[in-house]
Amino acid sequence: MSPSADAPPEAGFREYRIALIHASNKAAYLHVAALVAAFNAWDWFVDPKHALAALAVRLAGAALIVGTGLYAHKAGAARAPLFAKIRLLITAATISVALSLLDDGFLVGISGLAIAMIGAAYSSIDKRDVLVLFVPPLLLALGIMGYDGVDRFVFVNAACFLVLSMAVAWLLAGMLGASYYKAYTLEHALLRESRIDALTGVLNRRALEEQGKAALSLCQRHGQAFSVLMVDLDFFKDINDRYGHPVGDQVLNALAGQGRKLTRGSDRFGRWGGEEFLAVLPETPIAQANALAERMRVQISHCGFEFGGDTQRVTVSIGVAGEDLLEWTDTDETWSRLVKAADDAMYRAKAAGRNRVETAPPVAAA
């Protein structure tokens, strides 16, 4: 899972960790099952007489781990933390029951159980989740030891091993969490830089293409209206040439601010290139898009800027294009035609005297 460029890093970190747990499940359950079964080699070394019975328990547990792992893979990322807890519980139960079948099994084999349970650190969302993961298997293992009637020394020794492994898992989870968070925030920053225009802080062309096509595809699927606005500053080259690029940057930032303020949360507004900006308006009929374009034109024309000691105003030319009912299946082709139609309409507005809105005729299907 990749972070969203629009959300702060903290907002999506938990979902990011859950997605990583889900992704790791594809191999983790197989590795855990193999490890649980492979521990039987130690069983044969310490107690050959009962190792076969222990092997049957281990194979049954490994089968349960593989079965729940396969189901978790199909269940989706949302349930990944739950199945991680179930997998650890099955692992602890399997090893504990196998050890109970061996002579002095909990005395000589408790380290293997402790090592297996340290895996809680890799399946936890954060340090607190380690306790949620670890406590049920810990109580289960102690309960099996009590039921097996191990003597007090073995019980205390095993309990100390397991509590120590929980402490190690808790510390390891903290280290892993910090590492994951650092990687996540770095990815978030890189994603933001690749999607956000550095000067104005609005979406850049790449992000507009991606998010605009996604919104268009959704509108096509539901037969909803979709419109775009191409907004271009009038005489922007003259502003830069006469007053300098800092003033030009100020004007661009002001236009970006007006665009963000006038569009809805479901809309997309960004810098298409140079002094051109694009507004993507899902579920917006042409008439409503025209009204927004006119409101934007008027609002921007009322903004004053300090040019050479004088307060002057700037204007924009806006092209509008869209369809009230979108039935085409080729989203890329539809997107290209709509953007080109809006761009052509914007140039007609320029040719007609600037500071005006022009609407493209309905875009015809190929």
Protein backbone atom coordinates (compact mmCIF):
# COMPACT_ATOMS: atom_id res chain seq x y z
CA MET A 1 0.00 0.00 0.00
CA SER A 2 1.30 3.43 -0.93
CA PRO A 3 0.47 6.49 1.17
CA SER A 4 -1.82 9.19 -0.10
CA ALA A 5 -0.15 12.41 -1.19
CA ASP A 6 -3.11 14.43 0.12
CA ALA A 7 -3.19 13.04 3.68
CA PRO A 8 -0.67 13.78 6.45
CA PRO A 9 1.73 10.89 7.15
CA GLU A 10 0.10 10.03 10.50
CA ALA A 11 -3.34 9.59 8.95
CA GLY A 12 -2.52 6.52 6.91
CA PHE A 13 0.34 4.88 8.82
CA ARG A 14 -1.87 2.29 10.53
CA GLU A 15 -3.40 1.26 7.20
CA TYR A 16 0.10 1.14 5.74
CA ARG A 17 1.24 -1.26 8.47
CA ILE A 18 -1.87 -3.43 8.06
CA ALA A 19 -1.19 -3.64 4.32
CA LEU A 20 2.39 -4.72 5.02
CA ILE A 21 1.19 -7.42 7.43
CA HIS A 22 -1.26 -8.61 4.77
CA ALA A 23 1.48 -8.66 2.13
CA SER A 24 3.84 -10.57 4.41
CA ASN A 25 1.11 -13.14 5.12
CA LYS A 26 1.61 -14.58 1.64
CA ALA A 27 4.86 -16.16 2.78
CA ALA A 28 4.71 -15.91 6.58
CA TYR A 29 2.16 -18.64 7.18
CA LEU A 30 4.16 -21.10 5.08
CA HIS A 31 7.37 -20.25 6.90
CA VAL A 32 5.70 -20.54 10.31
CA ALA A 33 4.10 -23.88 9.40
CA ALA A 34 7.45 -25.22 8.19
CA LEU A 35 9.18 -23.99 11.34
CA VAL A 36 6.58 -25.61 13.61
CA ALA A 37 6.98 -28.95 11.81
CA ALA A 38 10.79 -28.68 11.64
CA PHE A 39 11.03 -28.38 15.42
CA ASN A 40 10.18 -32.10 15.50
CA ALA A 41 13.84 -32.80 14.72
CA TRP A 42 14.59 -31.51 18.22
CA ASP A 43 11.80 -33.69 19.60
CA TRP A 44 13.52 -36.80 18.20
CA PHE A 45 16.78 -35.70 19.77
CA VAL A 46 15.39 -35.21 23.30
CA ASP A 47 12.71 -37.94 23.39
CA PRO A 48 12.63 -40.40 20.44
CA LYS A 49 9.98 -42.48 22.21
CA HIS A 50 7.29 -39.78 22.03
CA ALA A 51 8.56 -37.80 19.04
CA LEU A 52 6.14 -39.47 16.62
CA ALA A 53 3.13 -38.41 18.68
CA ALA A 54 4.57 -34.89 18.85
CA LEU A 55 5.04 -34.95 15.08
CA ALA A 56 1.33 -35.69 14.58
CA VAL A 57 0.45 -32.65 16.71
CA ARG A 58 2.93 -30.46 14.87
CA LEU A 59 1.64 -31.52 11.44
CA ALA A 60 -1.95 -30.87 12.51
CA GLY A 61 -0.95 -27.43 13.76
CA ALA A 62 0.99 -26.70 10.58
CA ALA A 63 -2.08 -27.66 8.52
CA LEU A 64 -4.23 -25.26 10.56
CA ILE A 65 -1.67 -22.47 10.09
CA VAL A 66 -1.60 -23.04 6.31
CA GLY A 67 -5.40 -23.20 6.16
CA THR A 68 -5.94 -19.97 8.07
CA GLY A 69 -3.12 -18.36 6.08
CA LEU A 70 -4.81 -19.19 2.80
CA TYR A 71 -8.13 -17.88 4.10
CA ALA A 72 -6.48 -14.70 5.40
CA HIS A 73 -4.95 -14.10 1.98
CA LYS A 74 -8.44 -14.14 0.43
CA ALA A 75 -10.07 -12.19 3.27
CA GLY A 76 -8.17 -8.99 2.43
CA ALA A 77 -5.91 -6.59 4.29
CA ALA A 78 -8.52 -5.41 6.79
CA ARG A 79 -8.49 -8.78 8.59
CA ALA A 80 -4.73 -9.31 8.42
CA PRO A 81 -4.07 -8.27 12.08
CA LEU A 82 -6.78 -10.66 13.32
CA PHE A 83 -5.35 -13.61 11.41
CA ALA A 84 -1.84 -12.75 12.62
CA LYS A 85 -3.15 -13.17 16.18
CA ILE A 86 -4.88 -16.44 15.27
CA ARG A 87 -1.69 -17.74 13.62
CA LEU A 88 0.40 -16.97 16.72
CA LEU A 89 -2.21 -18.59 18.98
CA ILE A 90 -2.21 -21.77 16.87
CA THR A 91 1.59 -21.79 16.86
CA ALA A 92 1.78 -21.49 20.64
CA ALA A 93 -0.89 -24.16 21.15
CA THR A 94 0.79 -26.57 18.72
CA ILE A 95 4.25 -26.27 20.22
CA SER A 96 2.93 -26.37 23.78
CA VAL A 97 0.89 -29.53 23.19
CA ALA A 98 3.84 -31.16 21.39
CA LEU A 99 6.15 -30.32 24.30
CA SER A 100 3.63 -31.71 26.78
CA LEU A 101 3.93 -35.10 25.07
CA LEU A 102 7.70 -35.26 25.56
CA ASP A 103 9.55 -36.20 28.71
CA ASP A 104 10.74 -32.91 30.21
CA GLY A 105 9.53 -31.22 27.02
CA PHE A 106 8.91 -27.82 28.64
CA LEU A 107 12.30 -27.95 30.31
CA VAL A 108 14.34 -28.63 27.18
CA GLY A 109 12.09 -27.13 24.50
CA ILE A 110 10.72 -23.90 25.97
CA SER A 111 13.35 -21.82 24.15
CA GLY A 112 11.88 -22.93 20.83
CA LEU A 113 8.43 -21.73 21.89
CA ALA A 114 9.89 -18.44 23.09
CA ILE A 115 11.66 -17.89 19.77
CA ALA A 116 8.49 -18.64 17.81
CA MET A 117 6.50 -16.17 19.90
CA ILE A 118 8.99 -13.37 19.33
CA GLY A 119 7.49 -13.35 15.81
CA ALA A 120 4.70 -11.27 17.36
CA ALA A 121 6.95 -8.26 16.75
CA TYR A 122 6.72 -8.75 12.99
CA SER A 123 2.94 -9.23 13.00
CA SER A 124 2.08 -6.26 15.22
CA ILE A 125 0.89 -2.84 14.13
CA ASP A 126 2.61 -1.08 17.03
CA LYS A 127 4.13 -1.80 20.45
CA ARG A 128 0.72 -1.97 22.16
CA ASP A 129 -0.45 -4.51 19.62
CA VAL A 130 2.42 -6.79 20.71
CA LEU A 131 0.69 -7.25 24.07
CA VAL A 132 -2.63 -8.04 22.37
CA LEU A 133 -0.81 -10.57 20.18
CA PHE A 134 1.31 -12.07 22.92
CA VAL A 135 -0.90 -12.34 26.02
CA PRO A 136 -3.43 -14.96 24.75
CA PRO A 137 -0.69 -17.37 23.51
CA LEU A 138 1.25 -16.79 26.74
CA LEU A 139 -1.77 -17.65 28.90
CA LEU A 140 -2.56 -20.63 26.68
CA ALA A 141 0.99 -22.01 26.99
CA LEU A 142 0.98 -21.55 30.77
CA GLY A 143 -2.45 -23.18 30.95
CA ILE A 144 -1.23 -26.23 29.01
CA MET A 145 1.79 -26.48 31.32
CA GLY A 146 -0.50 -26.34 34.34
CA TYR A 147 -2.78 -28.97 32.87
CA ASP A 148 0.23 -31.16 32.06
CA GLY A 149 1.25 -30.99 35.72
CA VAL A 150 4.82 -29.81 35.24
CA ASP A 151 6.69 -29.18 38.48
CA ARG A 152 7.11 -25.72 39.92
CA PHE A 153 10.70 -25.24 38.75
CA VAL A 154 9.88 -26.09 35.13
CA PHE A 155 6.77 -23.90 35.23
CA VAL A 156 8.64 -20.88 36.61
CA ASN A 157 11.55 -21.43 34.24
CA ALA A 158 9.22 -21.63 31.23
CA ALA A 159 7.22 -18.61 32.40
CA CYS A 160 10.42 -16.58 32.73
CA PHE A 161 11.49 -17.58 29.21
CA LEU A 162 8.11 -16.57 27.76
CA VAL A 163 7.90 -13.26 29.62
CA LEU A 164 11.45 -12.45 28.52
CA SER A 165 10.55 -13.26 24.92
CA MET A 166 7.54 -10.92 25.25
CA ALA A 167 9.86 -8.13 26.42
CA VAL A 168 12.18 -8.78 23.48
CA ALA A 169 9.22 -8.76 21.08
CA TRP A 170 8.00 -5.47 22.58
CA LEU A 171 11.40 -3.82 22.13
CA LEU A 172 11.80 -5.25 18.64
CA ALA A 173 8.34 -3.99 17.66
CA GLY A 174 9.35 -0.49 18.76
CA MET A 175 12.46 -0.61 16.59
CA LEU A 176 10.55 -2.00 13.62
CA GLY A 177 7.76 0.55 14.09
CA ALA A 178 10.24 3.43 14.04
CA SER A 179 11.89 2.02 10.93
CA TYR A 180 8.56 1.49 9.15
CA TYR A 181 7.39 4.98 10.08
CA LYS A 182 10.58 6.54 8.74
CA ALA A 183 10.18 4.63 5.47
CA TYR A 184 6.50 5.58 5.29
CA THR A 185 7.07 9.30 5.84
CA LEU A 186 9.88 9.29 3.27
CA GLU A 187 7.61 7.58 0.74
CA HIS A 188 4.87 10.06 1.59
CA ALA A 189 7.22 13.00 1.02
CA LEU A 190 8.47 11.59 -2.29
CA LEU A 191 4.92 10.89 -3.43
CA ARG A 192 3.86 14.41 -2.52
CA GLU A 193 6.79 15.91 -4.39
CA SER A 194 5.91 13.87 -7.47
CA ARG A 195 2.22 14.89 -7.35
CA ILE A 196 2.27 18.48 -6.06
CA ASP A 197 3.38 21.59 -7.94
CA ALA A 198 6.33 23.00 -6.01
CA LEU A 199 5.43 26.66 -6.57
CA THR A 200 1.68 26.77 -5.99
CA GLY A 201 1.06 23.71 -3.80
CA VAL A 202 -1.78 22.44 -6.01
CA LEU A 203 -1.78 19.20 -7.99
CA ASN A 204 0.66 18.99 -10.88
CA ARG A 205 -0.10 17.68 -14.36
CA ARG A 206 0.79 14.09 -13.53
CA ALA A 207 -1.58 14.02 -10.56
CA LEU A 208 -4.33 15.73 -12.57
CA GLU A 209 -4.00 13.10 -15.28
CA GLU A 210 -4.18 10.23 -12.80
CA GLN A 211 -6.94 11.55 -10.58
CA GLY A 212 -8.89 13.10 -13.45
CA LYS A 213 -9.03 9.84 -15.39
CA ALA A 214 -10.03 7.93 -12.24
CA ALA A 215 -12.88 10.38 -11.59
CA LEU A 216 -13.93 10.26 -15.25
CA SER A 217 -13.98 6.47 -15.25
CA LEU A 218 -16.26 6.49 -12.20
CA CYS A 219 -18.63 8.99 -13.84
CA GLN A 220 -18.70 6.92 -17.03
CA ARG A 221 -19.58 3.81 -15.04
CA HIS A 222 -22.56 5.54 -13.46
CA GLY A 223 -23.58 7.68 -16.45
CA GLN A 224 -22.88 10.94 -14.61
CA ALA A 225 -21.94 14.35 -15.93
CA PHE A 226 -18.29 15.36 -16.10
CA SER A 227 -16.69 18.69 -17.00
CA VAL A 228 -13.26 20.31 -17.11
CA LEU A 229 -12.10 23.92 -17.07
CA MET A 230 -8.89 25.15 -18.69
CA VAL A 231 -7.87 28.41 -16.99
CA ASP A 232 -5.13 30.62 -18.44
CA LEU A 233 -3.75 33.92 -17.10
CA ASP A 234 -4.01 36.77 -19.57
CA PHE A 235 -0.81 38.62 -20.55
CA PHE A 236 1.24 36.58 -18.10
CA LYS A 237 4.41 36.91 -20.18
CA ASP A 238 4.07 40.69 -20.05
CA ILE A 239 3.78 40.53 -16.24
CA ASN A 240 6.97 38.49 -15.98
CA ASP A 241 8.84 40.65 -18.48
CA ARG A 242 7.79 43.95 -16.94
CA TYR A 243 7.70 43.23 -13.19
CA GLY A 244 9.86 40.13 -12.81
CA HIS A 245 9.27 36.50 -11.97
CA PRO A 246 8.66 37.04 -8.24
CA VAL A 247 5.55 39.03 -9.10
CA GLY A 248 4.57 36.39 -11.65
CA ASP A 249 4.93 33.72 -8.98
CA GLN A 250 2.73 35.78 -6.68
CA VAL A 251 0.02 35.91 -9.33
CA LEU A 252 0.22 32.17 -9.97
CA ASN A 253 -0.12 31.46 -6.26
CA ALA A 254 -3.11 33.73 -5.99
CA LEU A 255 -4.82 32.01 -8.94
CA ALA A 256 -4.11 28.61 -7.37
CA GLY A 257 -5.61 29.81 -4.08
CA GLN A 258 -8.77 31.04 -5.81
CA GLY A 259 -9.10 27.78 -7.70
CA ARG A 260 -8.86 25.71 -4.53
CA LYS A 261 -11.33 27.97 -2.73
CA LEU A 262 -13.98 27.89 -5.46
CA THR A 263 -13.88 24.16 -6.26
CA ARG A 264 -15.49 21.44 -4.15
CA GLY A 265 -13.74 18.77 -2.14
CA SER A 266 -14.65 16.18 -4.78
CA ASP A 267 -13.17 18.34 -7.57
CA ARG A 268 -9.53 18.48 -8.60
CA PHE A 269 -7.67 21.71 -9.30
CA GLY A 270 -4.06 21.92 -10.37
CA ARG A 271 -1.40 23.49 -12.52
CA TRP A 272 -1.46 22.06 -16.03
CA GLY A 273 1.72 23.85 -17.09
CA GLY A 274 3.14 27.39 -17.19
CA GLU A 275 0.26 29.76 -16.46
CA GLU A 276 -2.43 27.19 -17.33
CA PHE A 277 -4.55 25.53 -14.64
CA LEU A 278 -7.07 22.73 -14.97
CA ALA A 279 -10.20 22.11 -12.90
CA VAL A 280 -11.66 18.59 -12.99
CA LEU A 281 -15.35 18.58 -12.07
CA PRO A 282 -16.96 15.15 -11.59
CA GLU A 283 -20.77 14.94 -11.54
CA THR A 284 -20.95 18.46 -12.96
CA PRO A 285 -23.16 19.33 -15.96
CA ILE A 286 -22.00 21.90 -18.49
CA ALA A 287 -24.33 24.61 -17.15
CA GLN A 288 -22.96 24.23 -13.64
CA ALA A 289 -19.39 24.18 -14.95
CA ASN A 290 -20.03 27.40 -16.91
CA ALA A 291 -21.39 29.06 -13.76
CA LEU A 292 -18.28 28.06 -11.82
CA ALA A 293 -16.00 29.29 -14.61
CA GLU A 294 -17.74 32.68 -14.68
CA ARG A 295 -17.57 32.96 -10.89
CA MET A 296 -13.86 32.11 -11.02
CA ARG A 297 -13.23 34.67 -13.77
CA VAL A 298 -14.95 37.43 -11.81
CA GLN A 299 -13.31 36.53 -8.51
CA ILE A 300 -9.82 36.56 -10.02
CA SER A 301 -10.43 39.84 -11.82
CA HIS A 302 -11.17 41.45 -8.44
CA CYS A 303 -7.81 40.41 -6.98
CA GLY A 304 -5.36 43.31 -6.79
CA PHE A 305 -1.56 42.98 -7.03
CA GLU A 306 1.27 45.38 -6.37
CA PHE A 307 2.99 45.92 -9.72
CA GLY A 308 5.76 48.54 -9.75
CA GLY A 309 4.21 50.44 -6.85
CA ASP A 310 0.73 50.42 -8.37
CA THR A 311 -2.19 48.13 -7.55
CA GLN A 312 -3.30 46.44 -10.74
CA ARG A 313 -5.59 43.57 -11.61
CA VAL A 314 -5.13 40.43 -13.66
CA THR A 315 -7.66 38.45 -15.66
CA VAL A 316 -8.07 34.92 -16.94
CA SER A 317 -9.54 33.26 -19.99
CA ILE A 318 -11.39 30.01 -19.34
CA GLY A 319 -12.44 27.17 -21.65
CA VAL A 320 -15.20 24.77 -20.55
CA ALA A 321 -15.82 21.29 -21.95
CA GLY A 322 -17.84 18.33 -20.80
CA GLU A 323 -20.66 15.88 -21.33
CA ASP A 324 -23.88 15.51 -19.36
CA LEU A 325 -24.03 11.76 -20.03
CA LEU A 326 -20.80 9.87 -20.49
CA GLU A 327 -21.17 6.46 -22.10
CA TRP A 328 -17.79 5.91 -23.74
CA THR A 329 -15.76 3.03 -22.45
CA ASP A 330 -12.34 4.36 -23.50
CA THR A 331 -11.48 6.63 -20.58
CA ASP A 332 -8.11 7.75 -21.95
CA GLU A 333 -9.64 8.80 -25.28
CA THR A 334 -12.51 10.61 -23.55
CA TRP A 335 -10.11 12.41 -21.22
CA SER A 336 -7.87 13.55 -24.09
CA ARG A 337 -10.83 14.84 -26.10
CA LEU A 338 -12.34 16.74 -23.17
CA VAL A 339 -9.04 18.40 -22.21
CA LYS A 340 -8.33 19.34 -25.83
CA ALA A 341 -11.84 20.73 -26.23
CA ALA A 342 -11.43 22.86 -23.09
CA ASP A 343 -8.01 24.04 -24.31
CA ASP A 344 -9.41 24.99 -27.71
CA ALA A 345 -12.27 26.86 -26.03
CA MET A 346 -9.79 28.73 -23.85
CA TYR A 347 -7.86 29.87 -26.93
CA ARG A 348 -11.12 31.08 -28.49
CA ALA A 349 -11.67 33.13 -25.34
CA LYS A 350 -8.21 34.61 -25.82
CA ALA A 351 -8.93 35.40 -29.45
CA ALA A 352 -12.26 37.02 -28.54
CA GLY A 353 -10.61 39.59 -26.29
CA ARG A 354 -9.57 37.67 -23.11
CA ASN A 355 -11.16 37.92 -19.66
CA ARG A 356 -14.04 35.74 -20.76
CA VAL A 357 -15.43 32.20 -20.67
CA GLU A 358 -15.96 30.10 -23.79
CA THR A 359 -17.76 26.75 -23.88
CA ALA A 360 -16.77 23.93 -26.21
CA PRO A 361 -19.51 22.21 -28.22
CA PRO A 362 -20.44 18.72 -26.98
CA VAL A 363 -17.54 16.39 -27.57
CA ALA A 364 -18.52 13.85 -30.22
CA ALA A 365 -17.62 10.19 -29.87
CA ALA A 366 -15.18 8.77 -32.36
